[in-house]
Amino acid sequence: MTAPRFIIVCAAAAAASVTSVAGAQENYPSQQIRIIVPFPAGGGTDITARLLGEQLRARLGQPVVVDNRTGASGMIGTQVAAKSAPDGYTLLVASGEMAVNPHLYKQMAYDLDRDLAPITLLVKVPNILVVNADVPAKTVQELIAYAKSQPRKLTFSTSGVGNPEQLAGELLNKMAGVEIMHVPYKGERRSLPTSPGSTLR
């Protein structure tokens, strides 16, 4: 079972008109660019942002810093980006939570339509269903049959509550009539291998 997950880059929406912003940005970029990632370092969104940052640095000739602001299903980092100056120097690389969060939370500290402007789609990432080799199932049908015979014994892991991966798992539960329990994991920066002298923001 696969479901596409999108990673996009956004910028704080300008309050002024497009014409005035363009006039103010004739020499853009003239300073450091910050890319906010609302997830821990080392994940897919973070890696995408770092690859983007290297390309921007090489092409624009300005330093690019990746700033991981984690928590609240991506809302903390998104809020930082949404409240930043709409000058093009703060970018947000976000994932499926952009579409999911407005449907899960009644109140958010920002309005996606008002406060952020999409720039481009960066990548499409499939969600892939895999099982431990010890599970006696080689197909989705066999997995469903095993899960029905062992209710609440199987678990599936994702990087957090409310993300597209969890929703895909819950959709499988609902469609197949099984109870595979969700176990969210929290990303940890300290688990990343780093070379001597390297740092992660």
N, C-alpha and C. Protein backbone atom coordinates (compact mmCIF):
# COMPACT_ATOMS: atom_id res chain seq x y z
N MET A 1 0.85 -1.19 0.00
CA MET A 1 0.00 0.00 0.00
C MET A 1 0.88 1.23 0.00
N THR A 2 0.65 2.12 -0.93
CA THR A 2 1.41 3.34 -0.97
C THR A 2 0.48 4.53 -1.03
N ALA A 3 0.91 5.62 -0.43
CA ALA A 3 0.15 6.88 -0.50
C ALA A 3 1.17 7.99 -0.66
N PRO A 4 1.00 8.88 -1.63
CA PRO A 4 2.02 9.91 -1.85
C PRO A 4 2.05 10.93 -0.72
N ARG A 5 3.25 11.30 -0.34
CA ARG A 5 3.45 12.36 0.65
C ARG A 5 4.27 13.44 -0.04
N PHE A 6 3.86 14.67 0.14
CA PHE A 6 4.49 15.76 -0.59
C PHE A 6 5.36 16.61 0.33
N ILE A 7 6.48 17.06 -0.17
CA ILE A 7 7.32 18.01 0.55
C ILE A 7 7.38 19.27 -0.30
N ILE A 8 6.96 20.38 0.30
CA ILE A 8 6.89 21.64 -0.43
C ILE A 8 7.69 22.70 0.30
N VAL A 9 8.02 23.75 -0.41
CA VAL A 9 8.71 24.88 0.20
C VAL A 9 7.78 26.09 0.12
N CYS A 10 7.66 26.79 1.25
CA CYS A 10 6.79 27.95 1.35
C CYS A 10 7.58 29.13 1.91
N ALA A 11 7.03 30.31 1.74
CA ALA A 11 7.61 31.51 2.32
C ALA A 11 6.51 32.30 3.00
N ALA A 12 6.90 33.15 3.96
CA ALA A 12 5.91 34.00 4.61
C ALA A 12 5.24 34.89 3.56
N ALA A 13 3.92 34.97 3.62
CA ALA A 13 3.19 35.75 2.64
C ALA A 13 3.39 37.23 2.88
N ALA A 14 3.53 37.98 1.81
CA ALA A 14 3.77 39.42 1.92
C ALA A 14 2.47 40.15 2.20
N ALA A 15 2.52 41.08 3.14
CA ALA A 15 1.35 41.90 3.43
C ALA A 15 1.20 43.01 2.40
N ALA A 16 2.34 43.46 1.84
CA ALA A 16 2.31 44.53 0.84
C ALA A 16 1.98 43.94 -0.53
N SER A 17 1.82 44.80 -1.49
CA SER A 17 1.49 44.33 -2.84
C SER A 17 2.70 43.67 -3.47
N VAL A 18 2.45 42.84 -4.48
CA VAL A 18 3.54 42.15 -5.17
C VAL A 18 4.51 43.15 -5.79
N THR A 19 3.98 44.23 -6.32
CA THR A 19 4.82 45.23 -6.97
C THR A 19 5.81 45.85 -6.00
N SER A 20 5.34 46.22 -4.81
CA SER A 20 6.22 46.87 -3.85
C SER A 20 7.25 45.89 -3.31
N VAL A 21 6.85 44.64 -3.12
CA VAL A 21 7.80 43.64 -2.64
C VAL A 21 8.89 43.41 -3.68
N ALA A 22 8.47 43.30 -4.94
CA ALA A 22 9.46 43.09 -5.99
C ALA A 22 10.44 44.24 -6.07
N GLY A 23 9.95 45.45 -5.88
CA GLY A 23 10.83 46.61 -5.92
C GLY A 23 11.83 46.59 -4.79
N ALA A 24 11.39 46.11 -3.63
CA ALA A 24 12.28 46.08 -2.46
C ALA A 24 13.31 44.96 -2.57
N GLN A 25 13.06 43.99 -3.46
CA GLN A 25 13.93 42.83 -3.54
C GLN A 25 14.78 42.81 -4.81
N GLU A 26 15.07 43.97 -5.37
CA GLU A 26 15.86 44.02 -6.60
C GLU A 26 17.22 43.38 -6.43
N ASN A 27 17.81 43.48 -5.24
CA ASN A 27 19.13 42.93 -5.00
C ASN A 27 19.07 41.60 -4.25
N TYR A 28 17.92 40.96 -4.24
CA TYR A 28 17.77 39.68 -3.54
C TYR A 28 18.57 38.60 -4.24
N PRO A 29 19.29 37.78 -3.44
CA PRO A 29 19.45 37.85 -1.99
C PRO A 29 20.71 38.61 -1.63
N SER A 30 20.64 39.37 -0.58
CA SER A 30 21.81 40.13 -0.14
C SER A 30 22.25 39.73 1.27
N GLN A 31 21.66 38.67 1.82
CA GLN A 31 22.02 38.22 3.16
C GLN A 31 21.70 36.73 3.30
N GLN A 32 21.97 36.19 4.47
CA GLN A 32 21.76 34.78 4.74
C GLN A 32 20.28 34.40 4.60
N ILE A 33 20.04 33.21 4.08
CA ILE A 33 18.70 32.66 3.95
C ILE A 33 18.53 31.55 4.99
N ARG A 34 17.39 31.55 5.65
CA ARG A 34 17.09 30.52 6.64
C ARG A 34 15.99 29.61 6.12
N ILE A 35 16.22 28.30 6.20
CA ILE A 35 15.20 27.32 5.85
C ILE A 35 14.74 26.65 7.13
N ILE A 36 13.48 26.84 7.47
CA ILE A 36 12.91 26.22 8.67
C ILE A 36 12.36 24.85 8.31
N VAL A 37 12.75 23.85 9.10
CA VAL A 37 12.23 22.50 8.98
C VAL A 37 11.48 22.19 10.27
N PRO A 38 10.18 21.91 10.22
CA PRO A 38 9.41 21.71 11.45
C PRO A 38 9.52 20.30 12.02
N PHE A 39 10.61 19.59 11.71
CA PHE A 39 10.83 18.22 12.18
C PHE A 39 12.28 18.05 12.59
N PRO A 40 12.61 16.99 13.35
CA PRO A 40 13.99 16.79 13.79
C PRO A 40 14.95 16.56 12.62
N ALA A 41 16.21 16.83 12.89
CA ALA A 41 17.26 16.59 11.90
C ALA A 41 17.36 15.10 11.59
N GLY A 42 17.64 14.80 10.34
CA GLY A 42 17.87 13.43 9.94
C GLY A 42 16.72 12.76 9.22
N GLY A 43 15.52 13.35 9.29
CA GLY A 43 14.37 12.78 8.60
C GLY A 43 14.33 13.21 7.14
N GLY A 44 13.33 12.70 6.43
CA GLY A 44 13.23 12.98 5.01
C GLY A 44 13.06 14.45 4.68
N THR A 45 12.23 15.15 5.46
CA THR A 45 12.02 16.57 5.20
C THR A 45 13.30 17.36 5.45
N ASP A 46 14.02 17.00 6.51
CA ASP A 46 15.27 17.68 6.85
C ASP A 46 16.32 17.45 5.76
N ILE A 47 16.44 16.21 5.30
CA ILE A 47 17.43 15.91 4.26
C ILE A 47 17.11 16.68 2.99
N THR A 48 15.82 16.73 2.65
CA THR A 48 15.41 17.50 1.46
C THR A 48 15.79 18.96 1.61
N ALA A 49 15.56 19.53 2.80
CA ALA A 49 15.88 20.94 3.03
C ALA A 49 17.37 21.19 2.93
N ARG A 50 18.19 20.27 3.42
CA ARG A 50 19.64 20.45 3.37
C ARG A 50 20.17 20.35 1.94
N LEU A 51 19.59 19.47 1.15
CA LEU A 51 19.97 19.38 -0.27
C LEU A 51 19.56 20.67 -0.99
N LEU A 52 18.37 21.16 -0.68
CA LEU A 52 17.92 22.42 -1.27
C LEU A 52 18.84 23.56 -0.86
N GLY A 53 19.20 23.59 0.43
CA GLY A 53 20.07 24.66 0.93
C GLY A 53 21.41 24.70 0.22
N GLU A 54 21.98 23.53 -0.06
CA GLU A 54 23.27 23.49 -0.77
C GLU A 54 23.13 24.05 -2.18
N GLN A 55 22.03 23.70 -2.83
CA GLN A 55 21.80 24.21 -4.19
C GLN A 55 21.60 25.72 -4.19
N LEU A 56 20.83 26.22 -3.22
CA LEU A 56 20.60 27.67 -3.14
C LEU A 56 21.90 28.41 -2.86
N ARG A 57 22.70 27.87 -1.94
CA ARG A 57 23.97 28.51 -1.60
C ARG A 57 24.87 28.61 -2.83
N ALA A 58 24.95 27.51 -3.58
CA ALA A 58 25.82 27.49 -4.75
C ALA A 58 25.32 28.45 -5.84
N ARG A 59 24.02 28.55 -6.01
CA ARG A 59 23.47 29.36 -7.10
C ARG A 59 23.33 30.83 -6.74
N LEU A 60 23.02 31.10 -5.46
CA LEU A 60 22.75 32.48 -5.06
C LEU A 60 23.94 33.18 -4.42
N GLY A 61 24.94 32.40 -3.99
CA GLY A 61 26.13 33.01 -3.41
C GLY A 61 25.94 33.58 -2.02
N GLN A 62 24.92 33.10 -1.30
CA GLN A 62 24.68 33.54 0.06
C GLN A 62 24.60 32.31 0.97
N PRO A 63 24.99 32.48 2.25
CA PRO A 63 24.88 31.34 3.17
C PRO A 63 23.42 30.94 3.38
N VAL A 64 23.20 29.64 3.54
CA VAL A 64 21.85 29.11 3.79
C VAL A 64 21.94 28.23 5.02
N VAL A 65 21.10 28.50 6.01
CA VAL A 65 21.10 27.78 7.28
C VAL A 65 19.79 27.01 7.43
N VAL A 66 19.89 25.73 7.77
CA VAL A 66 18.71 24.92 8.06
C VAL A 66 18.44 25.00 9.56
N ASP A 67 17.22 25.39 9.92
CA ASP A 67 16.83 25.63 11.31
C ASP A 67 15.71 24.67 11.67
N ASN A 68 16.01 23.61 12.46
CA ASN A 68 15.01 22.64 12.85
C ASN A 68 14.22 23.16 14.05
N ARG A 69 12.93 23.38 13.85
CA ARG A 69 12.02 23.82 14.92
C ARG A 69 10.93 22.76 15.06
N THR A 70 11.13 21.84 15.97
CA THR A 70 10.28 20.66 16.03
C THR A 70 9.14 20.80 17.04
N GLY A 71 8.15 19.94 16.87
CA GLY A 71 7.08 19.83 17.85
C GLY A 71 5.70 20.14 17.29
N ALA A 72 4.69 19.61 18.00
CA ALA A 72 3.28 19.89 17.71
C ALA A 72 2.91 19.57 16.28
N SER A 73 3.33 18.40 15.81
CA SER A 73 3.00 17.96 14.44
C SER A 73 3.40 18.98 13.39
N GLY A 74 4.54 19.61 13.59
CA GLY A 74 5.06 20.57 12.63
C GLY A 74 4.56 21.98 12.80
N MET A 75 3.66 22.21 13.76
CA MET A 75 3.05 23.54 13.89
C MET A 75 3.99 24.57 14.51
N ILE A 76 4.94 24.14 15.33
CA ILE A 76 5.86 25.10 15.94
C ILE A 76 6.74 25.75 14.88
N GLY A 77 7.36 24.93 14.05
CA GLY A 77 8.20 25.47 12.99
C GLY A 77 7.41 26.25 11.97
N THR A 78 6.21 25.78 11.65
CA THR A 78 5.38 26.48 10.68
C THR A 78 4.97 27.85 11.20
N GLN A 79 4.69 27.93 12.51
CA GLN A 79 4.34 29.22 13.10
C GLN A 79 5.50 30.20 13.03
N VAL A 80 6.71 29.71 13.29
CA VAL A 80 7.89 30.58 13.20
C VAL A 80 8.02 31.15 11.79
N ALA A 81 7.83 30.29 10.79
CA ALA A 81 7.92 30.75 9.40
C ALA A 81 6.79 31.72 9.07
N ALA A 82 5.59 31.41 9.51
CA ALA A 82 4.43 32.25 9.19
C ALA A 82 4.54 33.64 9.80
N LYS A 83 5.18 33.74 10.95
CA LYS A 83 5.28 35.03 11.64
C LYS A 83 6.56 35.78 11.28
N SER A 84 7.39 35.22 10.44
CA SER A 84 8.63 35.90 10.06
C SER A 84 8.35 37.00 9.05
N ALA A 85 9.34 37.86 8.84
CA ALA A 85 9.18 38.95 7.87
C ALA A 85 8.97 38.38 6.48
N PRO A 86 8.02 38.91 5.72
CA PRO A 86 7.74 38.41 4.37
C PRO A 86 8.71 38.96 3.33
N ASP A 87 10.00 38.66 3.54
CA ASP A 87 11.03 39.24 2.68
C ASP A 87 11.79 38.20 1.86
N GLY A 88 11.37 36.94 1.94
CA GLY A 88 12.04 35.90 1.15
C GLY A 88 13.28 35.31 1.78
N TYR A 89 13.65 35.76 2.99
CA TYR A 89 14.85 35.25 3.64
C TYR A 89 14.56 34.13 4.63
N THR A 90 13.28 33.86 4.88
CA THR A 90 12.89 32.73 5.70
C THR A 90 11.99 31.84 4.86
N LEU A 91 12.44 30.61 4.63
CA LEU A 91 11.67 29.64 3.87
C LEU A 91 11.25 28.50 4.80
N LEU A 92 10.19 27.82 4.45
CA LEU A 92 9.70 26.67 5.21
C LEU A 92 9.65 25.48 4.28
N VAL A 93 10.29 24.38 4.67
CA VAL A 93 10.15 23.13 3.94
C VAL A 93 9.25 22.24 4.77
N ALA A 94 8.07 21.96 4.24
CA ALA A 94 7.05 21.26 5.01
C ALA A 94 6.59 20.02 4.26
N SER A 95 5.79 19.21 4.97
CA SER A 95 5.36 17.94 4.42
C SER A 95 3.84 17.84 4.51
N GLY A 96 3.33 16.61 4.60
CA GLY A 96 1.89 16.38 4.56
C GLY A 96 1.11 17.02 5.68
N GLU A 97 1.81 17.41 6.76
CA GLU A 97 1.09 18.03 7.88
C GLU A 97 0.41 19.33 7.47
N MET A 98 0.89 19.94 6.42
CA MET A 98 0.27 21.18 5.95
C MET A 98 -1.19 20.96 5.59
N ALA A 99 -1.48 19.81 5.00
CA ALA A 99 -2.86 19.49 4.62
C ALA A 99 -3.64 18.85 5.76
N VAL A 100 -2.93 18.12 6.64
CA VAL A 100 -3.61 17.35 7.68
C VAL A 100 -3.99 18.21 8.88
N ASN A 101 -3.07 19.04 9.37
CA ASN A 101 -3.29 19.76 10.63
C ASN A 101 -4.56 20.60 10.68
N PRO A 102 -4.93 21.34 9.64
CA PRO A 102 -6.16 22.13 9.74
C PRO A 102 -7.41 21.29 9.99
N HIS A 103 -7.34 20.00 9.68
CA HIS A 103 -8.49 19.12 9.90
C HIS A 103 -8.43 18.42 11.26
N LEU A 104 -7.28 18.47 11.91
CA LEU A 104 -7.12 17.81 13.21
C LEU A 104 -7.20 18.78 14.38
N TYR A 105 -6.88 20.04 14.15
CA TYR A 105 -6.82 21.01 15.23
C TYR A 105 -7.77 22.17 14.95
N LYS A 106 -8.60 22.47 15.94
CA LYS A 106 -9.59 23.54 15.77
C LYS A 106 -8.92 24.90 15.67
N GLN A 107 -7.85 25.10 16.43
CA GLN A 107 -7.18 26.39 16.43
C GLN A 107 -5.69 26.22 16.17
N MET A 108 -5.17 27.03 15.26
CA MET A 108 -3.73 27.09 15.02
C MET A 108 -3.31 28.54 15.09
N ALA A 109 -2.05 28.78 15.38
CA ALA A 109 -1.57 30.16 15.58
C ALA A 109 -1.28 30.86 14.27
N TYR A 110 -1.67 30.28 13.17
CA TYR A 110 -1.43 30.88 11.85
C TYR A 110 -2.52 30.40 10.91
N ASP A 111 -2.65 31.09 9.81
CA ASP A 111 -3.59 30.72 8.76
C ASP A 111 -2.77 30.40 7.51
N LEU A 112 -2.86 29.17 7.05
CA LEU A 112 -2.02 28.74 5.92
C LEU A 112 -2.26 29.59 4.68
N ASP A 113 -3.51 29.89 4.40
CA ASP A 113 -3.81 30.67 3.20
C ASP A 113 -3.35 32.12 3.32
N ARG A 114 -3.46 32.67 4.51
CA ARG A 114 -3.12 34.08 4.70
C ARG A 114 -1.64 34.30 4.97
N ASP A 115 -1.02 33.42 5.75
CA ASP A 115 0.32 33.68 6.27
C ASP A 115 1.45 33.04 5.48
N LEU A 116 1.15 32.09 4.62
CA LEU A 116 2.20 31.41 3.87
C LEU A 116 1.87 31.39 2.38
N ALA A 117 2.91 31.50 1.57
CA ALA A 117 2.76 31.43 0.12
C ALA A 117 3.56 30.25 -0.41
N PRO A 118 2.91 29.29 -1.07
CA PRO A 118 3.66 28.15 -1.62
C PRO A 118 4.57 28.59 -2.75
N ILE A 119 5.77 28.00 -2.79
CA ILE A 119 6.73 28.32 -3.85
C ILE A 119 6.80 27.19 -4.86
N THR A 120 7.07 25.97 -4.38
CA THR A 120 7.18 24.85 -5.32
C THR A 120 7.07 23.52 -4.59
N LEU A 121 6.69 22.51 -5.33
CA LEU A 121 6.74 21.14 -4.86
C LEU A 121 8.16 20.63 -5.04
N LEU A 122 8.75 20.11 -3.98
CA LEU A 122 10.13 19.64 -4.06
C LEU A 122 10.22 18.16 -4.41
N VAL A 123 9.51 17.33 -3.68
CA VAL A 123 9.57 15.89 -3.94
C VAL A 123 8.23 15.25 -3.61
N LYS A 124 8.01 14.08 -4.20
CA LYS A 124 6.90 13.21 -3.82
C LYS A 124 7.49 11.96 -3.19
N VAL A 125 7.01 11.61 -2.00
CA VAL A 125 7.57 10.48 -1.27
C VAL A 125 6.47 9.46 -1.02
N PRO A 126 6.63 8.22 -1.47
CA PRO A 126 5.58 7.22 -1.21
C PRO A 126 5.68 6.69 0.21
N ASN A 127 4.53 6.40 0.80
CA ASN A 127 4.49 5.63 2.04
C ASN A 127 4.45 4.16 1.65
N ILE A 128 5.33 3.36 2.22
CA ILE A 128 5.45 1.96 1.84
C ILE A 128 5.19 1.08 3.06
N LEU A 129 4.35 0.08 2.88
CA LEU A 129 4.04 -0.87 3.94
C LEU A 129 5.04 -2.01 3.92
N VAL A 130 5.79 -2.17 5.00
CA VAL A 130 6.73 -3.28 5.15
C VAL A 130 6.49 -3.94 6.49
N VAL A 131 6.90 -5.18 6.63
CA VAL A 131 6.73 -5.90 7.89
C VAL A 131 8.05 -6.54 8.30
N ASN A 132 8.16 -6.79 9.58
CA ASN A 132 9.31 -7.52 10.11
C ASN A 132 9.36 -8.90 9.48
N ALA A 133 10.57 -9.37 9.21
CA ALA A 133 10.73 -10.68 8.55
C ALA A 133 10.16 -11.82 9.39
N ASP A 134 10.01 -11.62 10.71
CA ASP A 134 9.47 -12.68 11.56
C ASP A 134 7.94 -12.77 11.51
N VAL A 135 7.30 -11.77 10.94
CA VAL A 135 5.84 -11.80 10.81
C VAL A 135 5.48 -12.78 9.70
N PRO A 136 4.60 -13.75 9.97
CA PRO A 136 4.27 -14.76 8.95
C PRO A 136 3.30 -14.22 7.90
N ALA A 137 3.74 -13.20 7.17
CA ALA A 137 2.92 -12.61 6.12
C ALA A 137 3.84 -12.08 5.02
N LYS A 138 3.54 -12.48 3.79
CA LYS A 138 4.33 -12.05 2.64
C LYS A 138 3.53 -11.13 1.72
N THR A 139 2.24 -11.04 1.94
CA THR A 139 1.39 -10.18 1.13
C THR A 139 0.49 -9.37 2.05
N VAL A 140 -0.16 -8.35 1.49
CA VAL A 140 -1.10 -7.56 2.29
C VAL A 140 -2.25 -8.43 2.77
N GLN A 141 -2.74 -9.31 1.91
CA GLN A 141 -3.84 -10.20 2.30
C GLN A 141 -3.44 -11.10 3.47
N GLU A 142 -2.23 -11.63 3.44
CA GLU A 142 -1.76 -12.48 4.53
C GLU A 142 -1.59 -11.67 5.81
N LEU A 143 -1.13 -10.41 5.68
CA LEU A 143 -0.98 -9.55 6.86
C LEU A 143 -2.34 -9.27 7.48
N ILE A 144 -3.32 -8.98 6.67
CA ILE A 144 -4.67 -8.70 7.19
C ILE A 144 -5.22 -9.93 7.90
N ALA A 145 -5.04 -11.10 7.29
CA ALA A 145 -5.53 -12.33 7.91
C ALA A 145 -4.85 -12.58 9.25
N TYR A 146 -3.54 -12.34 9.30
CA TYR A 146 -2.80 -12.54 10.55
C TYR A 146 -3.24 -11.53 11.60
N ALA A 147 -3.43 -10.28 11.19
CA ALA A 147 -3.87 -9.25 12.14
C ALA A 147 -5.25 -9.56 12.70
N LYS A 148 -6.12 -10.12 11.89
CA LYS A 148 -7.47 -10.49 12.37
C LYS A 148 -7.39 -11.64 13.36
N SER A 149 -6.42 -12.53 13.16
CA SER A 149 -6.29 -13.67 14.09
C SER A 149 -5.56 -13.29 15.36
N GLN A 150 -4.87 -12.14 15.35
CA GLN A 150 -4.11 -11.68 16.51
C GLN A 150 -4.47 -10.21 16.79
N PRO A 151 -5.71 -9.93 17.19
CA PRO A 151 -6.12 -8.53 17.37
C PRO A 151 -5.28 -7.80 18.42
N ARG A 152 -4.84 -6.61 18.04
CA ARG A 152 -4.08 -5.71 18.92
C ARG A 152 -2.68 -6.24 19.27
N LYS A 153 -2.25 -7.31 18.62
CA LYS A 153 -0.90 -7.83 18.88
C LYS A 153 0.13 -7.11 18.02
N LEU A 154 -0.23 -6.81 16.78
CA LEU A 154 0.70 -6.14 15.88
C LEU A 154 0.71 -4.63 16.13
N THR A 155 1.86 -4.03 15.88
CA THR A 155 1.98 -2.57 15.99
C THR A 155 2.58 -2.02 14.70
N PHE A 156 2.32 -0.74 14.45
CA PHE A 156 3.00 -0.07 13.35
C PHE A 156 3.57 1.24 13.88
N SER A 157 4.74 1.61 13.38
CA SER A 157 5.44 2.78 13.90
C SER A 157 5.46 3.89 12.87
N THR A 158 5.41 5.12 13.36
CA THR A 158 5.57 6.30 12.51
C THR A 158 6.36 7.33 13.30
N SER A 159 6.61 8.46 12.67
CA SER A 159 7.40 9.51 13.33
C SER A 159 6.55 10.44 14.18
N GLY A 160 5.26 10.17 14.33
CA GLY A 160 4.46 11.02 15.20
C GLY A 160 2.97 10.85 15.00
N VAL A 161 2.22 11.48 15.89
CA VAL A 161 0.75 11.39 15.85
C VAL A 161 0.20 12.39 14.84
N GLY A 162 -0.74 11.93 14.03
CA GLY A 162 -1.42 12.82 13.11
C GLY A 162 -0.72 13.05 11.79
N ASN A 163 0.40 12.35 11.56
CA ASN A 163 1.10 12.55 10.29
C ASN A 163 0.50 11.63 9.22
N PRO A 164 0.85 11.85 7.96
CA PRO A 164 0.27 11.02 6.90
C PRO A 164 0.53 9.53 7.06
N GLU A 165 1.68 9.17 7.66
CA GLU A 165 1.97 7.75 7.86
C GLU A 165 0.99 7.12 8.84
N GLN A 166 0.69 7.83 9.94
CA GLN A 166 -0.29 7.28 10.88
C GLN A 166 -1.67 7.19 10.25
N LEU A 167 -2.05 8.23 9.50
CA LEU A 167 -3.36 8.21 8.86
C LEU A 167 -3.46 7.07 7.86
N ALA A 168 -2.37 6.77 7.15
CA ALA A 168 -2.38 5.63 6.23
C ALA A 168 -2.57 4.32 6.99
N GLY A 169 -1.90 4.19 8.14
CA GLY A 169 -2.06 2.99 8.96
C GLY A 169 -3.46 2.85 9.50
N GLU A 170 -4.04 3.96 9.96
CA GLU A 170 -5.40 3.92 10.49
C GLU A 170 -6.40 3.63 9.38
N LEU A 171 -6.11 4.12 8.17
CA LEU A 171 -6.98 3.81 7.03
C LEU A 171 -6.95 2.32 6.73
N LEU A 172 -5.76 1.71 6.80
CA LEU A 172 -5.66 0.27 6.62
C LEU A 172 -6.49 -0.46 7.67
N ASN A 173 -6.37 -0.03 8.94
CA ASN A 173 -7.17 -0.63 10.01
C ASN A 173 -8.66 -0.58 9.68
N LYS A 174 -9.11 0.58 9.26
CA LYS A 174 -10.54 0.78 9.01
C LYS A 174 -11.01 -0.03 7.80
N MET A 175 -10.24 0.02 6.72
CA MET A 175 -10.65 -0.67 5.50
C MET A 175 -10.60 -2.19 5.66
N ALA A 176 -9.61 -2.68 6.42
CA ALA A 176 -9.43 -4.12 6.55
C ALA A 176 -10.16 -4.70 7.77
N GLY A 177 -10.64 -3.82 8.66
CA GLY A 177 -11.32 -4.31 9.85
C GLY A 177 -10.38 -4.97 10.83
N VAL A 178 -9.17 -4.40 11.00
CA VAL A 178 -8.18 -4.96 11.91
C VAL A 178 -7.80 -3.91 12.96
N GLU A 179 -7.06 -4.37 13.97
CA GLU A 179 -6.58 -3.47 15.02
C GLU A 179 -5.07 -3.61 15.14
N ILE A 180 -4.36 -2.89 14.31
CA ILE A 180 -2.90 -2.81 14.40
C ILE A 180 -2.60 -1.51 15.14
N MET A 181 -1.93 -1.60 16.28
CA MET A 181 -1.76 -0.47 17.18
C MET A 181 -0.65 0.46 16.71
N HIS A 182 -0.92 1.76 16.82
CA HIS A 182 0.05 2.77 16.41
C HIS A 182 1.05 3.07 17.53
N VAL A 183 2.34 3.11 17.19
CA VAL A 183 3.39 3.47 18.13
C VAL A 183 4.19 4.62 17.53
N PRO A 184 3.97 5.86 18.00
CA PRO A 184 4.73 6.99 17.46
C PRO A 184 6.12 7.07 18.08
N TYR A 185 7.08 7.44 17.28
CA TYR A 185 8.45 7.61 17.75
C TYR A 185 8.86 9.06 17.60
N LYS A 186 9.66 9.52 18.54
CA LYS A 186 10.15 10.89 18.50
C LYS A 186 11.56 10.88 17.93
N GLY A 187 11.80 11.76 16.95
CA GLY A 187 13.14 11.86 16.37
C GLY A 187 14.13 12.40 17.37
N GLU A 188 15.36 11.95 17.28
CA GLU A 188 16.42 12.39 18.20
C GLU A 188 17.61 12.88 17.41
N ARG A 189 18.04 14.10 17.65
CA ARG A 189 19.22 14.62 16.95
C ARG A 189 20.48 13.85 17.32
N ARG A 190 20.58 13.45 18.58
CA ARG A 190 21.84 12.85 19.03
C ARG A 190 22.10 11.49 18.39
N SER A 191 21.07 10.90 17.75
CA SER A 191 21.27 9.60 17.12
C SER A 191 21.91 9.69 15.75
N LEU A 192 22.08 10.91 15.24
CA LEU A 192 22.65 11.07 13.91
C LEU A 192 24.16 10.93 13.95
N PRO A 193 24.74 10.17 13.01
CA PRO A 193 26.19 10.11 12.93
C PRO A 193 26.73 11.41 12.37
N THR A 194 27.74 11.95 13.01
CA THR A 194 28.34 13.21 12.53
C THR A 194 29.84 13.04 12.44
N SER A 195 30.42 13.73 11.51
CA SER A 195 31.87 13.68 11.38
C SER A 195 32.51 14.63 12.38
N PRO A 196 33.78 14.45 12.72
CA PRO A 196 34.44 15.33 13.69
C PRO A 196 34.36 16.79 13.26
N GLY A 197 33.92 17.64 14.18
CA GLY A 197 33.84 19.06 13.91
C GLY A 197 32.55 19.50 13.27
N SER A 198 31.68 18.55 12.88
CA SER A 198 30.42 18.94 12.24
C SER A 198 29.39 19.30 13.30
N THR A 199 28.46 20.13 12.94
CA THR A 199 27.42 20.55 13.86
C THR A 199 26.08 20.50 13.19
N LEU A 200 25.05 20.30 13.98
CA LEU A 200 23.67 20.34 13.49
C LEU A 200 22.94 21.39 14.29
N ARG A 201 22.23 22.26 13.60
CA ARG A 201 21.47 23.29 14.29
C ARG A 201 20.24 22.67 14.89
